[in-house]
Amino acid sequence: MLIDEDSLQVTCTQPHPGEDWEASACIEADLTPVMPYINAVTRKPEYHPDMPAIIWRHEGRRVAVRPHEIAVDDVPDNEAAGVEIGRVIEWINDLWERREEVTPKYEPWMYPPLMSVLKQLPMNNCRECELPTCTAFAAALINGEKKIEDCPALCSEERRSNADMLRDLGIS
């Protein structure tokens, strides 16, 4: 086990009245060694090996890990903060126990350039993806808010190679 939950100090702050809370926990263990494993198994993480820090979405919430800290966004209250931090710790401890099965990834994931994604889209602004333009759809693809399948044109046989090119760029 990498993180001992018995030694946790969870704090919770509300940046602005009416907004959700941010939870953070000070961790005795150095979490730097687990970051490349998190980078390898999460979708579109922001990994900064020089800082070191990694940010990703876990169960719908934004999570940040630094050498001796775990932070979670969008918790409704102080009680939920402890629960959410506990879930992340459980996930990290599980990943650490399975690290022999995971190839760590030491390089940061890079977002593909918008123009590279746009070149693969039909550029007809049909709105079948529920967005006003193909440019908006490209940005949503890059940010993980939309999937390739949300564009019916990319699901057609004639545009299959475009969908494959998007997958090669790291878009799903």
Foldseek 3Di string as FASTA:
>chain_A
DQFDPVPWDKDWDDPDPPAAIKIKIFTPGFCLVLQLLCQQPAAQWAADNVQGKIWGADPRWIWIDHGGMIMTPGQRDDVSRSVVVVVVVVVSVVSVVCVVVTDGHDDHQDQDDLVQLLVLDPFPQPCQLVDRTVSVVSVCQSVVNDALVSDVVCVDPVSVVSNVSVVVSSGD
